Amino acid sequence: MANVAAPFMEIVAQDGDDITASRRELFRETMRQRLTRWVLGVAYACQPKRAGDVPFLLWHATADVARGGTREPGEATLQARPEGFAGVARDITPARVLAAARKGYFPWSHCGPLKWWTRDNRMVVDPAQYRLSKDARRIMRKGTYRVTFDEAFD
């Protein structure tokens, strides 16, 4: 089964070269993973408070794909319904994701191609001022979970 987002998600390194085959493998989903993501995504979208926005999302996403997708999200691409939808992500690069993040947009998808989203209410965490709770530190010491930083990047 072909990746639905493939025409719009060209993942390239910062210098413009295609990423290596091993990096591509990190982003490949198995059929089971894709099916699970779609089932959970549809269930999320069909919750009563979100179900009314599904036709609007399908309409705007289809229209955006027909136009070639959205490279740079912004006020011009932002839709009223569903709240925060700003287009189907196209040509994803680290620089483009950082530029979008500076404007308050983030790529996210639980069904279909990767989309740009924003929220009116959001939080910014300053790592220098963040204090880890005692419970979180205790859980980290137990070794139940593995906490890492910046390991998924070249």
N, C-alpha and C. Protein backbone atom coordinates (compact mmCIF):
# COMPACT_ATOMS: atom_id res chain seq x y z
N MET A 1 0.85 -1.18 0.00
CA MET A 1 0.00 0.00 0.00
C MET A 1 0.89 1.23 0.00
N ALA A 2 0.66 2.15 -0.88
CA ALA A 2 1.49 3.35 -0.99
C ALA A 2 1.21 4.29 0.17
N ASN A 3 2.23 5.02 0.57
CA ASN A 3 2.08 6.01 1.64
C ASN A 3 1.26 7.18 1.10
N VAL A 4 0.16 7.51 1.76
CA VAL A 4 -0.74 8.56 1.31
C VAL A 4 -0.02 9.90 1.29
N ALA A 5 0.86 10.14 2.25
CA ALA A 5 1.52 11.44 2.38
C ALA A 5 2.75 11.57 1.49
N ALA A 6 3.17 10.51 0.83
CA ALA A 6 4.42 10.51 0.09
C ALA A 6 4.56 11.67 -0.91
N PRO A 7 3.55 12.01 -1.72
CA PRO A 7 3.76 13.10 -2.67
C PRO A 7 3.97 14.45 -1.99
N PHE A 8 3.54 14.59 -0.76
CA PHE A 8 3.60 15.88 -0.09
C PHE A 8 4.66 15.93 0.99
N MET A 9 5.25 14.79 1.32
CA MET A 9 6.25 14.73 2.39
C MET A 9 7.60 14.31 1.82
N GLU A 10 8.30 15.24 1.24
CA GLU A 10 9.63 14.93 0.76
C GLU A 10 10.58 15.27 1.90
N ILE A 11 11.07 14.25 2.58
CA ILE A 11 11.96 14.48 3.71
C ILE A 11 13.37 14.56 3.17
N VAL A 12 13.98 15.73 3.31
CA VAL A 12 15.33 15.93 2.82
C VAL A 12 16.21 16.45 3.93
N ALA A 13 17.50 16.20 3.82
CA ALA A 13 18.45 16.71 4.79
C ALA A 13 18.59 18.21 4.59
N GLN A 14 19.19 18.90 5.58
CA GLN A 14 19.31 20.35 5.50
C GLN A 14 20.13 20.79 4.30
N ASP A 15 21.10 20.01 3.87
CA ASP A 15 21.92 20.41 2.74
C ASP A 15 21.26 20.10 1.41
N GLY A 16 20.03 19.55 1.41
CA GLY A 16 19.28 19.30 0.20
C GLY A 16 19.41 17.89 -0.35
N ASP A 17 20.35 17.09 0.16
CA ASP A 17 20.51 15.72 -0.31
C ASP A 17 19.42 14.83 0.28
N ASP A 18 19.06 13.78 -0.45
CA ASP A 18 18.11 12.80 0.09
C ASP A 18 18.73 12.12 1.30
N ILE A 19 17.90 11.81 2.27
CA ILE A 19 18.40 11.12 3.45
C ILE A 19 18.73 9.68 3.12
N THR A 20 19.52 9.05 3.95
CA THR A 20 19.96 7.69 3.68
C THR A 20 18.83 6.69 3.83
N ALA A 21 19.04 5.51 3.29
CA ALA A 21 18.02 4.45 3.35
C ALA A 21 17.72 4.07 4.79
N SER A 22 18.73 4.10 5.65
CA SER A 22 18.48 3.74 7.05
C SER A 22 17.57 4.77 7.73
N ARG A 23 17.69 6.05 7.36
CA ARG A 23 16.80 7.07 7.91
C ARG A 23 15.39 6.90 7.38
N ARG A 24 15.27 6.54 6.11
CA ARG A 24 13.94 6.32 5.54
C ARG A 24 13.23 5.17 6.26
N GLU A 25 13.99 4.17 6.64
CA GLU A 25 13.42 3.01 7.32
C GLU A 25 12.80 3.42 8.66
N LEU A 26 13.34 4.43 9.31
CA LEU A 26 12.79 4.89 10.59
C LEU A 26 11.37 5.41 10.43
N PHE A 27 11.03 5.93 9.27
CA PHE A 27 9.72 6.53 9.06
C PHE A 27 8.74 5.61 8.34
N ARG A 28 9.14 4.38 8.07
CA ARG A 28 8.27 3.43 7.38
C ARG A 28 7.36 2.73 8.39
N GLU A 29 6.07 2.68 8.07
CA GLU A 29 5.10 1.99 8.92
C GLU A 29 4.82 0.61 8.37
N THR A 30 4.62 -0.34 9.27
CA THR A 30 4.13 -1.64 8.84
C THR A 30 2.63 -1.50 8.57
N MET A 31 2.06 -2.47 7.91
CA MET A 31 0.62 -2.42 7.63
C MET A 31 -0.18 -2.38 8.93
N ARG A 32 0.27 -3.13 9.92
CA ARG A 32 -0.43 -3.15 11.22
C ARG A 32 -0.35 -1.78 11.89
N GLN A 33 0.82 -1.14 11.87
CA GLN A 33 0.97 0.18 12.47
C GLN A 33 0.08 1.20 11.76
N ARG A 34 0.05 1.15 10.43
CA ARG A 34 -0.77 2.08 9.66
C ARG A 34 -2.25 1.87 9.97
N LEU A 35 -2.70 0.61 10.02
CA LEU A 35 -4.09 0.31 10.31
C LEU A 35 -4.46 0.78 11.71
N THR A 36 -3.58 0.54 12.68
CA THR A 36 -3.83 0.99 14.05
C THR A 36 -3.95 2.51 14.10
N ARG A 37 -3.05 3.22 13.42
CA ARG A 37 -3.09 4.68 13.41
C ARG A 37 -4.39 5.18 12.79
N TRP A 38 -4.81 4.56 11.69
CA TRP A 38 -6.05 4.98 11.04
C TRP A 38 -7.28 4.70 11.92
N VAL A 39 -7.34 3.53 12.53
CA VAL A 39 -8.49 3.20 13.38
C VAL A 39 -8.57 4.16 14.56
N LEU A 40 -7.45 4.39 15.23
CA LEU A 40 -7.45 5.31 16.37
C LEU A 40 -7.72 6.74 15.92
N GLY A 41 -7.20 7.12 14.77
CA GLY A 41 -7.44 8.46 14.25
C GLY A 41 -8.90 8.70 13.90
N VAL A 42 -9.52 7.71 13.27
CA VAL A 42 -10.95 7.84 12.94
C VAL A 42 -11.78 7.89 14.22
N ALA A 43 -11.44 7.05 15.20
CA ALA A 43 -12.16 7.08 16.48
C ALA A 43 -12.01 8.43 17.15
N TYR A 44 -10.81 9.01 17.09
CA TYR A 44 -10.57 10.34 17.68
C TYR A 44 -11.41 11.40 16.95
N ALA A 45 -11.41 11.36 15.63
CA ALA A 45 -12.13 12.36 14.84
C ALA A 45 -13.64 12.24 15.00
N CYS A 46 -14.13 11.05 15.31
CA CYS A 46 -15.58 10.83 15.39
C CYS A 46 -16.15 11.03 16.79
N GLN A 47 -15.36 11.51 17.71
CA GLN A 47 -15.92 11.84 19.03
C GLN A 47 -16.96 12.93 18.83
N PRO A 48 -18.01 12.94 19.63
CA PRO A 48 -19.11 13.89 19.40
C PRO A 48 -18.68 15.35 19.25
N LYS A 49 -17.71 15.80 20.04
CA LYS A 49 -17.32 17.22 19.95
C LYS A 49 -16.50 17.52 18.69
N ARG A 50 -15.98 16.49 17.99
CA ARG A 50 -15.17 16.68 16.79
C ARG A 50 -15.88 16.24 15.51
N ALA A 51 -16.88 15.40 15.63
CA ALA A 51 -17.51 14.79 14.46
C ALA A 51 -18.06 15.84 13.49
N GLY A 52 -18.55 16.95 13.99
CA GLY A 52 -19.09 18.00 13.12
C GLY A 52 -18.05 18.66 12.24
N ASP A 53 -16.78 18.57 12.63
CA ASP A 53 -15.70 19.18 11.85
C ASP A 53 -15.14 18.26 10.77
N VAL A 54 -15.48 16.99 10.81
CA VAL A 54 -14.92 16.02 9.85
C VAL A 54 -15.21 16.41 8.40
N PRO A 55 -16.46 16.79 8.03
CA PRO A 55 -16.69 17.19 6.63
C PRO A 55 -15.85 18.40 6.22
N PHE A 56 -15.69 19.36 7.13
CA PHE A 56 -14.89 20.55 6.83
C PHE A 56 -13.41 20.17 6.63
N LEU A 57 -12.91 19.27 7.49
CA LEU A 57 -11.53 18.82 7.37
C LEU A 57 -11.31 18.10 6.04
N LEU A 58 -12.22 17.20 5.68
CA LEU A 58 -12.10 16.49 4.41
C LEU A 58 -12.14 17.46 3.23
N TRP A 59 -13.04 18.42 3.27
CA TRP A 59 -13.15 19.40 2.19
C TRP A 59 -11.88 20.23 2.06
N HIS A 60 -11.43 20.83 3.17
CA HIS A 60 -10.25 21.70 3.12
C HIS A 60 -8.98 20.92 2.78
N ALA A 61 -8.84 19.71 3.32
CA ALA A 61 -7.65 18.90 3.04
C ALA A 61 -7.62 18.48 1.57
N THR A 62 -8.77 18.08 1.03
CA THR A 62 -8.84 17.69 -0.39
C THR A 62 -8.52 18.88 -1.29
N ALA A 63 -9.09 20.04 -0.98
CA ALA A 63 -8.82 21.24 -1.78
C ALA A 63 -7.35 21.62 -1.70
N ASP A 64 -6.74 21.49 -0.52
CA ASP A 64 -5.33 21.84 -0.37
C ASP A 64 -4.43 20.87 -1.13
N VAL A 65 -4.75 19.58 -1.08
CA VAL A 65 -3.98 18.58 -1.83
C VAL A 65 -4.09 18.88 -3.33
N ALA A 66 -5.29 19.25 -3.80
CA ALA A 66 -5.47 19.56 -5.23
C ALA A 66 -4.63 20.77 -5.64
N ARG A 67 -4.40 21.71 -4.71
CA ARG A 67 -3.55 22.88 -4.99
C ARG A 67 -2.07 22.56 -4.85
N GLY A 68 -1.74 21.36 -4.36
CA GLY A 68 -0.33 21.00 -4.21
C GLY A 68 0.18 21.00 -2.78
N GLY A 69 -0.70 21.26 -1.83
CA GLY A 69 -0.29 21.25 -0.42
C GLY A 69 0.21 22.60 0.04
N THR A 70 0.56 22.68 1.32
CA THR A 70 1.01 23.92 1.93
C THR A 70 2.46 23.77 2.38
N ARG A 71 3.33 24.60 1.83
CA ARG A 71 4.74 24.58 2.26
C ARG A 71 4.90 25.33 3.57
N GLU A 72 4.42 26.55 3.61
CA GLU A 72 4.56 27.41 4.79
C GLU A 72 3.18 27.73 5.35
N PRO A 73 2.83 27.21 6.52
CA PRO A 73 1.53 27.56 7.10
C PRO A 73 1.56 28.99 7.62
N GLY A 74 0.40 29.60 7.64
CA GLY A 74 0.31 30.97 8.14
C GLY A 74 -1.14 31.39 8.23
N GLU A 75 -1.35 32.65 8.54
CA GLU A 75 -2.72 33.19 8.68
C GLU A 75 -3.51 33.01 7.37
N ALA A 76 -2.84 33.11 6.23
CA ALA A 76 -3.53 32.99 4.95
C ALA A 76 -4.05 31.57 4.70
N THR A 77 -3.42 30.56 5.29
CA THR A 77 -3.85 29.17 5.07
C THR A 77 -4.72 28.63 6.20
N LEU A 78 -4.87 29.38 7.27
CA LEU A 78 -5.62 28.94 8.45
C LEU A 78 -7.12 28.90 8.16
N GLN A 79 -7.79 27.82 8.54
CA GLN A 79 -9.22 27.64 8.34
C GLN A 79 -9.97 27.81 9.67
N ALA A 80 -11.19 28.31 9.59
CA ALA A 80 -12.01 28.48 10.80
C ALA A 80 -12.47 27.12 11.35
N ARG A 81 -12.83 26.21 10.43
CA ARG A 81 -13.23 24.86 10.84
C ARG A 81 -12.49 23.85 10.01
N PRO A 82 -11.92 22.85 10.56
CA PRO A 82 -11.75 22.64 11.98
C PRO A 82 -10.74 23.64 12.56
N GLU A 83 -10.95 23.97 13.82
CA GLU A 83 -10.11 24.97 14.48
C GLU A 83 -8.64 24.57 14.40
N GLY A 84 -7.82 25.47 13.89
CA GLY A 84 -6.38 25.26 13.87
C GLY A 84 -5.83 24.59 12.64
N PHE A 85 -6.67 24.13 11.70
CA PHE A 85 -6.17 23.48 10.49
C PHE A 85 -5.61 24.52 9.55
N ALA A 86 -4.36 24.30 9.09
CA ALA A 86 -3.71 25.29 8.24
C ALA A 86 -3.16 24.68 6.95
N GLY A 87 -3.59 23.50 6.57
CA GLY A 87 -3.19 22.94 5.29
C GLY A 87 -2.50 21.59 5.42
N VAL A 88 -2.31 20.94 4.27
CA VAL A 88 -1.63 19.65 4.19
C VAL A 88 -0.14 19.93 4.01
N ALA A 89 0.67 19.37 4.89
CA ALA A 89 2.11 19.65 4.87
C ALA A 89 2.76 19.13 3.60
N ARG A 90 3.63 19.95 3.02
CA ARG A 90 4.33 19.59 1.79
C ARG A 90 5.80 19.96 1.93
N ASP A 91 6.68 19.13 1.41
CA ASP A 91 8.12 19.38 1.43
C ASP A 91 8.64 19.67 2.83
N ILE A 92 8.48 18.71 3.71
CA ILE A 92 8.90 18.86 5.11
C ILE A 92 10.43 18.85 5.18
N THR A 93 10.98 19.88 5.77
CA THR A 93 12.41 19.95 6.06
C THR A 93 12.57 20.43 7.50
N PRO A 94 13.70 20.16 8.13
CA PRO A 94 13.91 20.67 9.49
C PRO A 94 13.76 22.20 9.56
N ALA A 95 14.30 22.90 8.58
CA ALA A 95 14.21 24.37 8.58
C ALA A 95 12.76 24.83 8.48
N ARG A 96 11.95 24.14 7.65
CA ARG A 96 10.56 24.52 7.49
C ARG A 96 9.75 24.25 8.77
N VAL A 97 10.03 23.13 9.44
CA VAL A 97 9.33 22.81 10.69
C VAL A 97 9.69 23.84 11.76
N LEU A 98 10.96 24.23 11.84
CA LEU A 98 11.38 25.26 12.81
C LEU A 98 10.74 26.61 12.51
N ALA A 99 10.69 26.98 11.25
CA ALA A 99 10.07 28.26 10.87
C ALA A 99 8.58 28.25 11.22
N ALA A 100 7.91 27.12 10.96
CA ALA A 100 6.49 27.01 11.29
C ALA A 100 6.29 27.04 12.80
N ALA A 101 7.16 26.37 13.55
CA ALA A 101 7.05 26.35 15.01
C ALA A 101 7.20 27.75 15.59
N ARG A 102 8.07 28.54 15.00
CA ARG A 102 8.24 29.92 15.48
C ARG A 102 6.96 30.74 15.30
N LYS A 103 6.13 30.36 14.32
CA LYS A 103 4.85 31.03 14.09
C LYS A 103 3.70 30.35 14.83
N GLY A 104 3.99 29.23 15.52
CA GLY A 104 2.96 28.54 16.30
C GLY A 104 2.29 27.39 15.59
N TYR A 105 2.86 26.90 14.49
CA TYR A 105 2.28 25.79 13.74
C TYR A 105 3.12 24.53 13.93
N PHE A 106 2.46 23.38 13.89
CA PHE A 106 3.17 22.11 14.04
C PHE A 106 2.56 21.08 13.09
N PRO A 107 3.39 20.15 12.57
CA PRO A 107 2.85 19.11 11.71
C PRO A 107 2.27 17.98 12.56
N TRP A 108 1.10 17.47 12.18
CA TRP A 108 0.45 16.42 12.95
C TRP A 108 -0.51 15.67 12.05
N SER A 109 -0.59 14.36 12.25
CA SER A 109 -1.55 13.58 11.49
C SER A 109 -1.88 12.31 12.23
N HIS A 110 -3.16 12.04 12.37
CA HIS A 110 -3.56 10.74 12.90
C HIS A 110 -4.26 9.94 11.81
N CYS A 111 -4.68 10.58 10.74
CA CYS A 111 -5.25 9.92 9.57
C CYS A 111 -4.80 10.68 8.33
N GLY A 112 -4.48 9.96 7.30
CA GLY A 112 -4.17 10.62 6.04
C GLY A 112 -2.83 11.33 6.04
N PRO A 113 -2.66 12.28 5.12
CA PRO A 113 -1.37 12.95 5.00
C PRO A 113 -1.10 13.88 6.19
N LEU A 114 0.15 14.20 6.38
CA LEU A 114 0.59 15.10 7.44
C LEU A 114 -0.03 16.48 7.21
N LYS A 115 -0.54 17.09 8.28
CA LYS A 115 -1.21 18.39 8.17
C LYS A 115 -0.57 19.40 9.11
N TRP A 116 -0.67 20.69 8.76
CA TRP A 116 -0.22 21.77 9.64
C TRP A 116 -1.38 22.16 10.56
N TRP A 117 -1.08 22.32 11.85
CA TRP A 117 -2.08 22.70 12.85
C TRP A 117 -1.52 23.80 13.74
N THR A 118 -2.42 24.52 14.39
CA THR A 118 -2.06 25.48 15.42
C THR A 118 -3.21 25.50 16.43
N ARG A 119 -2.95 26.04 17.57
CA ARG A 119 -3.99 26.18 18.60
C ARG A 119 -3.91 27.58 19.20
N ASP A 120 -5.07 28.14 19.52
CA ASP A 120 -5.08 29.45 20.19
C ASP A 120 -4.43 29.34 21.56
N ASN A 121 -4.78 28.28 22.29
CA ASN A 121 -4.21 28.08 23.62
C ASN A 121 -3.08 27.07 23.51
N ARG A 122 -1.89 27.50 23.81
CA ARG A 122 -0.75 26.59 23.80
C ARG A 122 0.24 27.03 24.87
N MET A 123 1.17 26.15 25.16
CA MET A 123 2.10 26.40 26.26
C MET A 123 3.53 26.32 25.72
N VAL A 124 4.38 27.18 26.22
CA VAL A 124 5.79 27.15 25.89
C VAL A 124 6.54 26.82 27.18
N VAL A 125 7.40 25.81 27.12
CA VAL A 125 8.16 25.40 28.30
C VAL A 125 9.59 25.89 28.13
N ASP A 126 10.06 26.67 29.06
CA ASP A 126 11.46 27.11 29.07
C ASP A 126 12.25 26.09 29.87
N PRO A 127 13.12 25.31 29.21
CA PRO A 127 13.86 24.26 29.91
C PRO A 127 14.65 24.77 31.11
N ALA A 128 15.12 26.00 31.06
CA ALA A 128 15.91 26.55 32.16
C ALA A 128 15.05 26.77 33.41
N GLN A 129 13.75 26.96 33.22
CA GLN A 129 12.87 27.23 34.35
C GLN A 129 11.99 26.04 34.72
N TYR A 130 12.09 24.95 33.98
CA TYR A 130 11.24 23.78 34.21
C TYR A 130 11.77 22.96 35.37
N ARG A 131 10.88 22.57 36.28
CA ARG A 131 11.25 21.72 37.41
C ARG A 131 10.53 20.39 37.27
N LEU A 132 11.30 19.32 37.26
CA LEU A 132 10.76 17.98 37.16
C LEU A 132 10.18 17.57 38.51
N SER A 133 8.96 17.05 38.52
CA SER A 133 8.32 16.67 39.78
C SER A 133 9.03 15.47 40.41
N LYS A 134 8.81 15.30 41.71
CA LYS A 134 9.42 14.17 42.42
C LYS A 134 8.91 12.84 41.86
N ASP A 135 7.63 12.77 41.54
CA ASP A 135 7.07 11.55 40.96
C ASP A 135 7.73 11.20 39.64
N ALA A 136 7.93 12.20 38.80
CA ALA A 136 8.57 11.95 37.50
C ALA A 136 10.01 11.48 37.70
N ARG A 137 10.72 12.11 38.62
CA ARG A 137 12.11 11.68 38.89
C ARG A 137 12.14 10.24 39.40
N ARG A 138 11.19 9.89 40.26
CA ARG A 138 11.12 8.54 40.82
C ARG A 138 10.87 7.52 39.70
N ILE A 139 9.95 7.82 38.80
CA ILE A 139 9.65 6.93 37.68
C ILE A 139 10.88 6.77 36.79
N MET A 140 11.60 7.86 36.54
CA MET A 140 12.80 7.79 35.71
C MET A 140 13.88 6.91 36.36
N ARG A 141 14.01 7.00 37.68
CA ARG A 141 15.02 6.20 38.38
C ARG A 141 14.69 4.71 38.35
N LYS A 142 13.40 4.35 38.34
CA LYS A 142 12.99 2.95 38.31
C LYS A 142 13.48 2.24 37.05
N GLY A 143 13.64 2.97 35.98
CA GLY A 143 14.09 2.37 34.73
C GLY A 143 12.98 1.72 33.93
N THR A 144 11.71 1.96 34.31
CA THR A 144 10.58 1.41 33.57
C THR A 144 10.55 2.00 32.16
N TYR A 145 10.86 3.28 32.07
CA TYR A 145 10.87 3.99 30.80
C TYR A 145 12.29 4.47 30.51
N ARG A 146 12.58 4.63 29.26
CA ARG A 146 13.89 5.14 28.86
C ARG A 146 13.72 6.56 28.36
N VAL A 147 14.39 7.51 28.98
CA VAL A 147 14.30 8.91 28.61
C VAL A 147 15.56 9.27 27.83
N THR A 148 15.38 9.80 26.62
CA THR A 148 16.52 10.21 25.80
C THR A 148 16.29 11.60 25.25
N PHE A 149 17.34 12.21 24.78
CA PHE A 149 17.25 13.55 24.18
C PHE A 149 18.03 13.55 22.87
N ASP A 150 17.43 14.06 21.82
CA ASP A 150 18.08 14.28 20.52
C ASP A 150 18.74 13.05 19.92
N GLU A 151 18.20 11.88 20.13
CA GLU A 151 18.79 10.68 19.54
C GLU A 151 18.22 10.35 18.16
N ALA A 152 17.11 10.95 17.80
CA ALA A 152 16.48 10.64 16.52
C ALA A 152 16.92 11.59 15.41
N PHE A 153 17.95 12.36 15.66
CA PHE A 153 18.40 13.35 14.68
C PHE A 153 19.86 13.10 14.33
N ASP A 154 20.21 13.45 13.11
CA ASP A 154 21.62 13.31 12.70
C ASP A 154 22.49 14.32 13.43
